[in-house]
C-alpha atoms as a PDB file:
ATOM      1  CA  MET A   1     102.958 173.064 122.583  1.00  0.00           C
ATOM      2  CA  SER A   2     106.094 172.071 124.222  1.00  0.00           C
ATOM      3  CA  SER A   3     109.531 170.597 123.005  1.00  0.00           C
ATOM      4  CA  ILE A   4     109.661 166.839 122.882  1.00  0.00           C
ATOM      5  CA  ASN A   5     111.951 163.935 121.901  1.00  0.00           C
ATOM      6  CA  LEU A   6     110.267 162.912 118.717  1.00  0.00           C
ATOM      7  CA  THR A   7     112.429 159.878 118.223  1.00  0.00           C
ATOM      8  CA  ASP A   8     111.275 158.477 121.755  1.00  0.00           C
ATOM      9  CA  GLU A   9     107.624 159.406 120.974  1.00  0.00           C
ATOM     10  CA  ALA A  10     107.817 157.766 117.608  1.00  0.00           C
ATOM     11  CA  ASP A  11     109.090 154.533 119.234  1.00  0.00           C
ATOM     12  CA  SER A  12     106.133 154.645 121.739  1.00  0.00           C
ATOM     13  CA  TYR A  13     103.657 155.404 118.967  1.00  0.00           C
ATOM     14  CA  ILE A  14     104.872 152.445 116.840  1.00  0.00           C
ATOM     15  CA  ASP A  15     104.972 150.024 119.818  1.00  0.00           C
ATOM     16  CA  GLN A  16     101.165 150.531 120.537  1.00  0.00           C
ATOM     17  CA  LEU A  17     100.128 150.210 116.836  1.00  0.00           C
ATOM     18  CA  ASP A  18      98.206 147.107 115.934  1.00  0.00           C
ATOM     19  CA  ARG A  19     100.152 146.281 112.769  1.00  0.00           C
ATOM     20  CA  LYS A  20     102.445 143.532 111.462  1.00  0.00           C
ATOM     21  CA  GLU A  21     105.982 143.921 112.381  1.00  0.00           C
ATOM     22  CA  ILE A  22     106.915 144.602 108.654  1.00  0.00           C
ATOM     23  CA  THR A  23     104.537 147.541 108.643  1.00  0.00           C
ATOM     24  CA  LYS A  24     105.848 148.895 111.815  1.00  0.00           C
ATOM     25  CA  ASP A  25     109.315 148.867 110.295  1.00  0.00           C
ATOM     26  CA  SER A  26     108.172 150.891 107.297  1.00  0.00           C
ATOM     27  CA  TYR A  27     106.483 153.415 109.730  1.00  0.00           C
ATOM     28  CA  ARG A  28     109.652 153.629 111.885  1.00  0.00           C
ATOM     29  CA  LYS A  29     111.679 154.303 108.716  1.00  0.00           C
ATOM     30  CA  MET A  30     109.476 157.117 107.521  1.00  0.00           C
ATOM     31  CA  LEU A  31     109.195 158.744 110.968  1.00  0.00           C
ATOM     32  CA  SER A  32     113.034 158.472 111.274  1.00  0.00           C
ATOM     33  CA  GLN A  33     113.472 160.233 107.890  1.00  0.00           C
ATOM     34  CA  PHE A  34     111.117 163.187 109.067  1.00  0.00           C
ATOM     35  CA  VAL A  35     113.144 163.444 112.271  1.00  0.00           C
ATOM     36  CA  ALA A  36     116.360 163.485 110.399  1.00  0.00           C
ATOM     37  CA  TYR A  37     114.950 166.159 108.161  1.00  0.00           C
ATOM     38  CA  LEU A  38     114.055 168.197 111.199  1.00  0.00           C
ATOM     39  CA  GLY A  39     117.495 167.730 112.832  1.00  0.00           C
ATOM     40  CA  LYS A  40     119.448 168.821 109.809  1.00  0.00           C
ATOM     41  CA  ARG A  41     117.556 172.172 110.193  1.00  0.00           C
ATOM     42  CA  ASN A  42     117.658 172.363 113.877  1.00  0.00           C
ATOM     43  CA  ILE A  43     114.041 172.283 114.154  1.00  0.00           C
ATOM     44  CA  SER A  44     113.051 171.100 117.682  1.00  0.00           C
ATOM     45  CA  GLU A  45     109.401 172.224 117.584  1.00  0.00           C
ATOM     46  CA  PRO A  46     108.009 171.534 114.135  1.00  0.00           C
ATOM     47  CA  THR A  47     104.896 173.372 112.904  1.00  0.00           C
ATOM     48  CA  LYS A  48     102.503 172.841 110.000  1.00  0.00           C
ATOM     49  CA  LYS A  49     104.734 174.942 107.709  1.00  0.00           C
ATOM     50  CA  ASP A  50     107.417 172.654 108.494  1.00  0.00           C
ATOM     51  CA  VAL A  51     105.436 169.642 107.333  1.00  0.00           C
ATOM     52  CA  LEU A  52     104.370 171.460 104.202  1.00  0.00           C
ATOM     53  CA  ARG A  53     108.159 172.140 103.403  1.00  0.00           C
ATOM     54  CA  TYR A  54     108.884 168.571 104.059  1.00  0.00           C
ATOM     55  CA  LYS A  55     106.396 167.538 101.369  1.00  0.00           C
ATOM     56  CA  GLU A  56     108.162 169.710  99.120  1.00  0.00           C
ATOM     57  CA  TYR A  57     111.504 168.381  99.926  1.00  0.00           C
ATOM     58  CA  LEU A  58     110.084 164.844  99.305  1.00  0.00           C
ATOM     59  CA  ASP A  59     108.483 165.822  96.075  1.00  0.00           C
ATOM     60  CA  LYS A  60     111.912 166.390  94.582  1.00  0.00           C
ATOM     61  CA  ARG A  61     113.322 163.051  95.676  1.00  0.00           C
ATOM     62  CA  VAL A  62     110.572 160.318  95.771  1.00  0.00           C
ATOM     63  CA  GLY A  63     107.377 159.291  93.816  1.00  0.00           C
ATOM     64  CA  SER A  64     103.841 160.365  94.852  1.00  0.00           C
ATOM     65  CA  ALA A  65     102.920 157.010  96.472  1.00  0.00           C
ATOM     66  CA  THR A  66     105.936 157.324  98.955  1.00  0.00           C
ATOM     67  CA  ILE A  67     104.778 160.986  99.740  1.00  0.00           C
ATOM     68  CA  GLN A  68     101.181 159.896 100.357  1.00  0.00           C
ATOM     69  CA  LYS A  69     102.488 157.031 102.637  1.00  0.00           C
ATOM     70  CA  SER A  70     104.549 159.527 104.559  1.00  0.00           C
ATOM     71  CA  VAL A  71     101.597 161.975 104.865  1.00  0.00           C
ATOM     72  CA  VAL A  72      99.502 159.150 106.333  1.00  0.00           C
ATOM     73  CA  VAL A  73     102.187 158.051 108.813  1.00  0.00           C
ATOM     74  CA  LEU A  74     102.716 161.451 110.073  1.00  0.00           C
ATOM     75  CA  ARG A  75      98.992 162.070 110.416  1.00  0.00           C
ATOM     76  CA  GLY A  76      98.637 159.160 112.529  1.00  0.00           C
ATOM     77  CA  PHE A  77     101.689 160.027 114.697  1.00  0.00           C
ATOM     78  CA  PHE A  78     100.744 163.571 115.376  1.00  0.00           C
ATOM     79  CA  ARG A  79      96.986 162.478 116.010  1.00  0.00           C
ATOM     80  CA  TYR A  80      98.440 159.984 118.631  1.00  0.00           C
ATOM     81  CA  LEU A  81     100.421 162.894 120.249  1.00  0.00           C
ATOM     82  CA  LYS A  82      97.514 165.199 120.329  1.00  0.00           C
ATOM     83  CA  MET A  83      95.295 162.517 122.046  1.00  0.00           C
ATOM     84  CA  ASN A  84      97.959 161.966 124.662  1.00  0.00           C
ATOM     85  CA  GLU A  85      98.057 165.672 125.187  1.00  0.00           C
ATOM     86  CA  THR A  86     101.906 165.753 124.201  1.00  0.00           C
ATOM     87  CA  TYR A  87     101.961 167.787 121.229  1.00  0.00           C
ATOM     88  CA  ASP A  88      99.539 169.766 118.735  1.00  0.00           C
ATOM     89  CA  ASP A  89      98.214 167.996 115.826  1.00  0.00           C
ATOM     90  CA  ILE A  90     100.277 169.949 113.267  1.00  0.00           C
ATOM     91  CA  MET A  91      98.996 167.551 110.596  1.00  0.00           C
ATOM     92  CA  TYR A  92      95.482 168.952 110.567  1.00  0.00           C
ATOM     93  CA  GLY A  93      94.576 170.341 107.256  1.00  0.00           C
ATOM     94  CA  VAL A  94      97.703 168.986 105.558  1.00  0.00           C
ATOM     95  CA  ARG A  95      96.448 167.337 102.373  1.00  0.00           C
ATOM     96  CA  GLY A  96      97.662 164.042 100.860  1.00  0.00           C
ATOM     97  CA  VAL A  97      98.714 163.859  97.229  1.00  0.00           C
ATOM     98  CA  ASN A  98      97.341 162.000  94.229  1.00  0.00           C
ATOM     99  CA  VAL A  99      99.131 158.876  93.640  1.00  0.00           C
ATOM    100  CA  GLU A 100     100.034 158.433  89.987  1.00  0.00           C
ATOM    101  CA  LYS A 101      98.239 155.260  88.402  1.00  0.00           C
ATOM    102  CA  THR A 102     101.205 154.526  86.263  1.00  0.00           C
ATOM    103  CA  PHE A 103     104.535 152.650  86.383  1.00  0.00           C
ATOM    104  CA  LYS A 104     107.874 154.618  86.135  1.00  0.00           C
ATOM    105  CA  ARG A 105     109.713 151.482  84.899  1.00  0.00           C
ATOM    106  CA  GLU A 106     109.808 150.336  81.414  1.00  0.00           C
ATOM    107  CA  ALA A 107     109.172 146.528  80.679  1.00  0.00           C
ATOM    108  CA  LEU A 108     111.758 144.915  78.439  1.00  0.00           C
ATOM    109  CA  SER A 109     110.928 143.660  74.988  1.00  0.00           C
ATOM    110  CA  VAL A 110     111.261 139.870  74.249  1.00  0.00           C
ATOM    111  CA  GLU A 111     114.423 140.530  72.322  1.00  0.00           C
ATOM    112  CA  GLU A 112     115.873 142.736  75.318  1.00  0.00           C
ATOM    113  CA  ILE A 113     115.006 139.862  77.511  1.00  0.00           C
ATOM    114  CA  HIS A 114     116.700 137.337  75.281  1.00  0.00           C
ATOM    115  CA  LYS A 115     119.767 139.494  75.115  1.00  0.00           C
ATOM    116  CA  LEU A 116     119.799 139.994  78.936  1.00  0.00           C
ATOM    117  CA  ILE A 117     119.476 136.294  79.738  1.00  0.00           C
ATOM    118  CA  ALA A 118     122.263 135.534  76.996  1.00  0.00           C
ATOM    119  CA  THR A 119     124.718 138.086  78.573  1.00  0.00           C
ATOM    120  CA  ALA A 120     124.055 136.796  82.058  1.00  0.00           C
ATOM    121  CA  LYS A 121     124.585 133.245  80.783  1.00  0.00           C
ATOM    122  CA  GLU A 122     127.802 134.197  79.166  1.00  0.00           C
ATOM    123  CA  GLU A 123     129.107 136.020  82.167  1.00  0.00           C
ATOM    124  CA  SER A 124     128.252 132.951  84.431  1.00  0.00           C
ATOM    125  CA  SER A 125     131.388 131.203  83.379  1.00  0.00           C
ATOM    126  CA  LYS A 126     133.480 133.857  84.901  1.00  0.00           C
ATOM    127  CA  GLY A 127     132.900 132.731  88.622  1.00  0.00           C
ATOM    128  CA  ILE A 128     130.312 131.843  91.351  1.00  0.00           C
ATOM    129  CA  SER A 129     129.119 135.227  91.842  1.00  0.00           C
ATOM    130  CA  LYS A 130     128.299 135.512  88.112  1.00  0.00           C
ATOM    131  CA  LEU A 131     126.708 132.199  88.095  1.00  0.00           C
ATOM    132  CA  ARG A 132     124.487 133.466  91.035  1.00  0.00           C
ATOM    133  CA  ASP A 133     123.663 136.646  88.998  1.00  0.00           C
ATOM    134  CA  TYR A 134     122.562 134.252  86.165  1.00  0.00           C
ATOM    135  CA  ALA A 135     120.363 132.225  88.423  1.00  0.00           C
ATOM    136  CA  MET A 136     118.764 135.220  90.126  1.00  0.00           C
ATOM    137  CA  ILE A 137     117.889 137.131  86.768  1.00  0.00           C
ATOM    138  CA  SER A 138     116.443 133.858  85.330  1.00  0.00           C
ATOM    139  CA  LEU A 139     114.250 133.528  88.339  1.00  0.00           C
ATOM    140  CA  MET A 140     113.086 137.154  88.508  1.00  0.00           C
ATOM    141  CA  ILE A 141     112.401 137.498  84.799  1.00  0.00           C
ATOM    142  CA  THR A 142     110.127 134.361  84.796  1.00  0.00           C
ATOM    143  CA  THR A 143     108.248 134.853  87.937  1.00  0.00           C
ATOM    144  CA  GLY A 144     107.920 138.458  88.563  1.00  0.00           C
ATOM    145  CA  LEU A 145     109.438 138.340  91.964  1.00  0.00           C
ATOM    146  CA  ARG A 146     109.992 141.626  93.867  1.00  0.00           C
ATOM    147  CA  THR A 147     113.593 142.417  95.076  1.00  0.00           C
ATOM    148  CA  ILE A 148     112.534 142.052  98.820  1.00  0.00           C
ATOM    149  CA  GLU A 149     111.118 138.611  97.898  1.00  0.00           C
ATOM    150  CA  VAL A 150     114.387 137.495  96.307  1.00  0.00           C
ATOM    151  CA  GLU A 151     116.254 138.716  99.350  1.00  0.00           C
ATOM    152  CA  ARG A 152     113.895 136.837 101.765  1.00  0.00           C
ATOM    153  CA  ALA A 153     114.234 133.590  99.899  1.00  0.00           C
ATOM    154  CA  ASN A 154     115.886 130.585 101.336  1.00  0.00           C
ATOM    155  CA  VAL A 155     117.199 127.346  99.931  1.00  0.00           C
ATOM    156  CA  GLU A 156     114.656 125.371 102.027  1.00  0.00           C
ATOM    157  CA  ASP A 157     111.949 127.333 100.354  1.00  0.00           C
ATOM    158  CA  LEU A 158     112.658 125.671  97.010  1.00  0.00           C
ATOM    159  CA  ILE A 159     110.575 122.376  96.688  1.00  0.00           C
ATOM    160  CA  PHE A 160     111.863 120.211  93.804  1.00  0.00           C
ATOM    161  CA  ARG A 161     109.097 118.006  92.522  1.00  0.00           C
ATOM    162  CA  LYS A 162     108.961 115.573  89.651  1.00  0.00           C
ATOM    163  CA  TYR A 163     106.877 117.733  87.221  1.00  0.00           C
ATOM    164  CA  GLU A 164     107.538 121.284  88.706  1.00  0.00           C
ATOM    165  CA  THR A 165     109.506 123.323  91.104  1.00  0.00           C
ATOM    166  CA  ILE A 166     107.987 125.798  93.479  1.00  0.00           C
ATOM    167  CA  LEU A 167     109.413 128.457  95.486  1.00  0.00           C
ATOM    168  CA  PHE A 168     107.553 129.432  98.622  1.00  0.00           C
ATOM    169  CA  ILE A 169     107.837 133.269  99.175  1.00  0.00           C
ATOM    170  CA  GLU A 170     107.193 135.950 101.918  1.00  0.00           C
ATOM    171  CA  GLY A 171     105.349 138.584  99.794  1.00  0.00           C
ATOM    172  CA  LYS A 172     105.049 142.321 100.175  1.00  0.00           C
ATOM    173  CA  GLY A 173     103.447 143.250 103.587  1.00  0.00           C
ATOM    174  CA  HIS A 174     103.434 139.476 104.773  1.00  0.00           C
ATOM    175  CA  ASP A 175     105.048 138.022 107.776  1.00  0.00           C
ATOM    176  CA  ASP A 176     104.891 134.433 106.539  1.00  0.00           C
ATOM    177  CA  LYS A 177     105.901 132.470 103.523  1.00  0.00           C
ATOM    178  CA  ASP A 178     102.203 131.730 102.513  1.00  0.00           C
ATOM    179  CA  ASP A 179     102.368 132.137  98.774  1.00  0.00           C
ATOM    180  CA  TYR A 180     104.425 130.648  95.961  1.00  0.00           C
ATOM    181  CA  VAL A 181     105.674 130.821  92.574  1.00  0.00           C
ATOM    182  CA  LYS A 182     106.248 128.252  89.904  1.00  0.00           C
ATOM    183  CA  VAL A 183     109.851 127.688  88.772  1.00  0.00           C
ATOM    184  CA  SER A 184     110.365 126.238  85.265  1.00  0.00           C
ATOM    185  CA  SER A 185     112.776 123.269  84.747  1.00  0.00           C
ATOM    186  CA  GLU A 186     115.122 125.445  82.895  1.00  0.00           C
ATOM    187  CA  VAL A 187     115.377 127.987  85.740  1.00  0.00           C
ATOM    188  CA  SER A 188     115.404 125.397  88.615  1.00  0.00           C
ATOM    189  CA  GLY A 189     118.258 123.731  86.601  1.00  0.00           C
ATOM    190  CA  ILE A 190     120.259 126.915  86.662  1.00  0.00           C
ATOM    191  CA  ILE A 191     119.583 127.525  90.460  1.00  0.00           C
ATOM    192  CA  GLU A 192     120.607 123.949  91.179  1.00  0.00           C
ATOM    193  CA  ASP A 193     123.952 124.549  89.263  1.00  0.00           C
ATOM    194  CA  TYR A 194     124.583 127.649  91.466  1.00  0.00           C
ATOM    195  CA  LEU A 195     123.716 125.821  94.710  1.00  0.00           C
ATOM    196  CA  ARG A 196     126.048 122.834  93.677  1.00  0.00           C
ATOM    197  CA  ALA A 197     128.914 125.275  93.094  1.00  0.00           C
ATOM    198  CA  ARG A 198     128.337 126.927  96.400  1.00  0.00           C
ATOM    199  CA  ASN A 199     128.445 123.496  98.274  1.00  0.00           C
ATOM    200  CA  ASP A 200     127.441 124.919 101.638  1.00  0.00           C
ATOM    201  CA  ASN A 201     124.750 124.567 104.076  1.00  0.00           C
ATOM    202  CA  LEU A 202     123.925 128.391 104.305  1.00  0.00           C
ATOM    203  CA  LYS A 203     120.219 129.347 104.613  1.00  0.00           C
ATOM    204  CA  PRO A 204     119.840 132.205 102.030  1.00  0.00           C
ATOM    205  CA  LEU A 205     119.012 131.182  98.373  1.00  0.00           C
ATOM    206  CA  PHE A 206     121.256 134.046  97.285  1.00  0.00           C
ATOM    207  CA  ILE A 207     124.497 135.028  99.057  1.00  0.00           C
ATOM    208  CA  THR A 208     127.253 137.411  98.666  1.00  0.00           C
ATOM    209  CA  HIS A 209     130.548 135.985  97.539  1.00  0.00           C
ATOM    210  CA  SER A 210     132.940 138.870  98.260  1.00  0.00           C
ATOM    211  CA  LYS A 211     135.860 138.332 100.715  1.00  0.00           C
ATOM    212  CA  ASN A 212     134.591 140.876 103.241  1.00  0.00           C
ATOM    213  CA  HIS A 213     130.959 139.625 103.380  1.00  0.00           C
ATOM    214  CA  GLN A 214     131.193 135.924 102.206  1.00  0.00           C
ATOM    215  CA  GLY A 215     128.228 134.059 102.927  1.00  0.00           C
ATOM    216  CA  GLU A 216     125.876 136.866 103.821  1.00  0.00           C
ATOM    217  CA  ARG A 217     122.297 136.971 102.624  1.00  0.00           C
ATOM    218  CA  LEU A 218     122.166 139.286  99.415  1.00  0.00           C
ATOM    219  CA  MET A 219     120.199 142.559 100.257  1.00  0.00           C
ATOM    220  CA  THR A 220     117.753 144.339  98.043  1.00  0.00           C
ATOM    221  CA  ARG A 221     120.158 147.079  97.223  1.00  0.00           C
ATOM    222  CA  ASP A 222     122.775 144.520  96.015  1.00  0.00           C
ATOM    223  CA  ILE A 223     120.117 142.834  93.904  1.00  0.00           C
ATOM    224  CA  ARG A 224     119.058 146.142  92.273  1.00  0.00           C
ATOM    225  CA  GLY A 225     122.679 146.957  91.426  1.00  0.00           C
ATOM    226  CA  ILE A 226     123.396 143.646  89.804  1.00  0.00           C
ATOM    227  CA  VAL A 227     120.339 143.869  87.605  1.00  0.00           C
ATOM    228  CA  LYS A 228     121.088 147.489  86.859  1.00  0.00           C
ATOM    229  CA  ASN A 229     124.542 146.550  85.686  1.00  0.00           C
ATOM    230  CA  LEU A 230     123.498 143.833  83.456  1.00  0.00           C
ATOM    231  CA  LEU A 231     120.831 146.156  82.088  1.00  0.00           C
ATOM    232  CA  ARG A 232     123.771 148.699  81.259  1.00  0.00           C
ATOM    233  CA  ASP A 233     125.521 146.021  79.641  1.00  0.00           C
ATOM    234  CA  ILE A 234     122.980 145.354  77.045  1.00  0.00           C
ATOM    235  CA  GLY A 235     122.530 149.167  76.597  1.00  0.00           C
ATOM    236  CA  LEU A 236     119.548 149.914  78.619  1.00  0.00           C
ATOM    237  CA  ASN A 237     121.383 152.539  80.707  1.00  0.00           C
ATOM    238  CA  ASP A 238     118.300 154.702  81.586  1.00  0.00           C
ATOM    239  CA  LYS A 239     116.466 155.284  84.823  1.00  0.00           C
ATOM    240  CA  ARG A 240     113.373 153.852  83.433  1.00  0.00           C
ATOM    241  CA  TYR A 241     115.013 150.417  83.455  1.00  0.00           C
ATOM    242  CA  SER A 242     115.682 148.719  86.873  1.00  0.00           C
ATOM    243  CA  ALA A 243     115.168 145.525  88.684  1.00  0.00           C
ATOM    244  CA  HIS A 244     111.455 146.317  88.909  1.00  0.00           C
ATOM    245  CA  SER A 245     111.344 146.315  84.988  1.00  0.00           C
ATOM    246  CA  LEU A 246     111.742 142.603  85.087  1.00  0.00           C
ATOM    247  CA  ARG A 247     108.476 142.299  87.107  1.00  0.00           C
ATOM    248  CA  HIS A 248     106.713 144.475  84.540  1.00  0.00           C
ATOM    249  CA  SER A 249     108.185 142.493  81.763  1.00  0.00           C
ATOM    250  CA  VAL A 250     106.469 139.285  83.225  1.00  0.00           C
ATOM    251  CA  ALA A 251     103.192 140.838  83.155  1.00  0.00           C
ATOM    252  CA  THR A 252     103.564 142.393  79.613  1.00  0.00           C
ATOM    253  CA  ILE A 253     104.651 139.005  78.119  1.00  0.00           C
ATOM    254  CA  LEU A 254     101.845 137.192  79.841  1.00  0.00           C
ATOM    255  CA  LEU A 255      99.171 139.753  78.450  1.00  0.00           C
ATOM    256  CA  GLN A 256     100.730 139.735  75.046  1.00  0.00           C
ATOM    257  CA  ASN A 257     100.528 135.925  74.863  1.00  0.00           C
ATOM    258  CA  GLY A 258      97.098 135.544  75.879  1.00  0.00           C
ATOM    259  CA  GLY A 259      97.128 135.719  79.572  1.00  0.00           C
ATOM    260  CA  THR A 260      94.285 137.280  81.286  1.00  0.00           C
ATOM    261  CA  LEU A 261      94.379 140.074  83.917  1.00  0.00           C
ATOM    262  CA  ASP A 262      93.237 137.579  86.626  1.00  0.00           C
ATOM    263  CA  GLU A 263      96.292 135.504  85.816  1.00  0.00           C
ATOM    264  CA  VAL A 264      98.600 138.356  85.926  1.00  0.00           C
ATOM    265  CA  LYS A 265      97.136 139.557  89.228  1.00  0.00           C
ATOM    266  CA  GLN A 266      97.551 136.096  90.703  1.00  0.00           C
ATOM    267  CA  ILE A 267     101.071 135.593  89.503  1.00  0.00           C
ATOM    268  CA  LEU A 268     102.243 138.976  90.642  1.00  0.00           C
ATOM    269  CA  ARG A 269     100.096 138.911  93.774  1.00  0.00           C
ATOM    270  CA  HIS A 270      98.419 142.125  93.605  1.00  0.00           C
ATOM    271  CA  LYS A 271      95.839 142.902  96.144  1.00  0.00           C
ATOM    272  CA  ASP A 272      93.758 145.017  93.762  1.00  0.00           C
ATOM    273  CA  ILE A 273      93.044 144.340  90.241  1.00  0.00           C
ATOM    274  CA  SER A 274      93.281 148.011  89.459  1.00  0.00           C
ATOM    275  CA  THR A 275      96.991 147.563  89.986  1.00  0.00           C
ATOM    276  CA  THR A 276      97.153 144.852  87.406  1.00  0.00           C
ATOM    277  CA  GLU A 277      95.021 146.932  84.963  1.00  0.00           C
ATOM    278  CA  ILE A 278      97.828 149.523  84.687  1.00  0.00           C
ATOM    279  CA  TYR A 279      99.865 146.842  83.028  1.00  0.00           C
ATOM    280  CA  ASN A 280      97.029 146.357  80.521  1.00  0.00           C
ATOM    281  CA  HIS A 281      96.637 150.262  79.851  1.00  0.00           C
ATOM    282  CA  SER A 282     100.429 150.539  79.381  1.00  0.00           C
ATOM    283  CA  LEU A 283     100.332 147.819  76.737  1.00  0.00           C
ATOM    284  CA  GLN A 284      97.243 149.122  75.069  1.00  0.00           C
ATOM    285  CA  ARG A 285      98.979 152.453  74.835  1.00  0.00           C
ATOM    286  CA  LYS A 286     102.116 151.008  73.429  1.00  0.00           C
ATOM    287  CA  ASN A 287     100.036 149.085  70.740  1.00  0.00           C
ATOM    288  CA  ASN A 288      98.094 152.239  70.003  1.00  0.00           C
ATOM    289  CA  ASN A 289      99.848 153.753  66.980  1.00  0.00           C
ATOM    290  CA  GLY A 290      97.178 156.539  66.361  1.00  0.00           C
ATOM    291  CA  GLU A 291      99.810 159.333  66.035  1.00  0.00           C
ATOM    292  CA  LEU A 292     101.534 157.509  63.245  1.00  0.00           C
ATOM    293  CA  LEU A 293      98.336 156.777  61.415  1.00  0.00           C
ATOM    294  CA  VAL A 294      97.378 160.505  61.484  1.00  0.00           C
ATOM    295  CA  SER A 295     100.835 161.515  60.337  1.00  0.00           C
ATOM    296  CA  ASP A 296     100.664 158.897  57.534  1.00  0.00           C
ATOM    297  CA  VAL A 297      97.410 160.404  56.531  1.00  0.00           C
ATOM    298  CA  VAL A 298      98.623 164.072  56.824  1.00  0.00           C
ATOM    299  CA  PHE A 299     101.829 163.528  54.838  1.00  0.00           C
ATOM    300  CA  LYS A 300     100.302 161.250  52.188  1.00  0.00           C
ATOM    301  CA  GLU A 301      97.697 163.877  51.518  1.00  0.00           C
ATOM    302  CA  GLU A 302     100.357 166.593  51.482  1.00  0.00           C
ATOM    303  CA  THR A 303     102.472 164.608  48.954  1.00  0.00           C
ATOM    304  CA  LYS A 304      99.417 164.055  46.739  1.00  0.00           C
ATOM    305  CA  ASN A 305      98.528 167.771  46.848  1.00  0.00           C
ATOM    306  CA  GLY A 306     102.232 168.759  46.106  1.00  0.00           C
END
């Protein structure tokens, strides 16, 4: 085993992968994070023990799905190095982790959604950036778009038709805008108000309006921040509530109002129905008041005997 430049080797590994560019970018990010972790600890020749410590490091900072993906990426990388006789396969015997089949973000109740929309609408009169936020929140809470899909959306992706408006989207793991969501007349009207107020020919559907970054595409971190601030404004200042909560809310509302798992799967563009079923299990658990029933029986009996 010899000392190597892991950054250069990572670039070579990613270049030869038969993967979509968006997947390669994800791999590159995870390998860069591992290399940065080693660099801060002056580790030039990592061992299996270093990998295990890295797993422990990640466990305190990210979810199980991210850790598992990191293990998979590192496993492929060091297998590649071993095949090229460049470095030992230090991932041999390193186990993955069980990915939690649950969501760590809470869905909003219908009342909370009404409050969120009302607050965003009230704020929209205070300037174009607030009008943008109102349009964006309305779109997310009715279509279940991910923040990355909102970021990638362009004005030209909106197709206004007589009876419906659709927005073509580039979904998670996609390189093309080969899917779409239906936008209600109420929401499309709000978006049109925002675009009229902008009065420009810029490509992104949602842009920044600050002096330093005027006209730039709104990024996922900005979108998350905007949603988080509005959630705080209505009293939901908890880590369980985030931009992703809006996506969960769409699924929950649909299921509560007669929607099927297949309909939710299609609208949220899940690859696997098992992902959609988590929403249903979560809803079933929320509606299961078994503990309260038991308590009612216990304390009623106690009162009767007392």
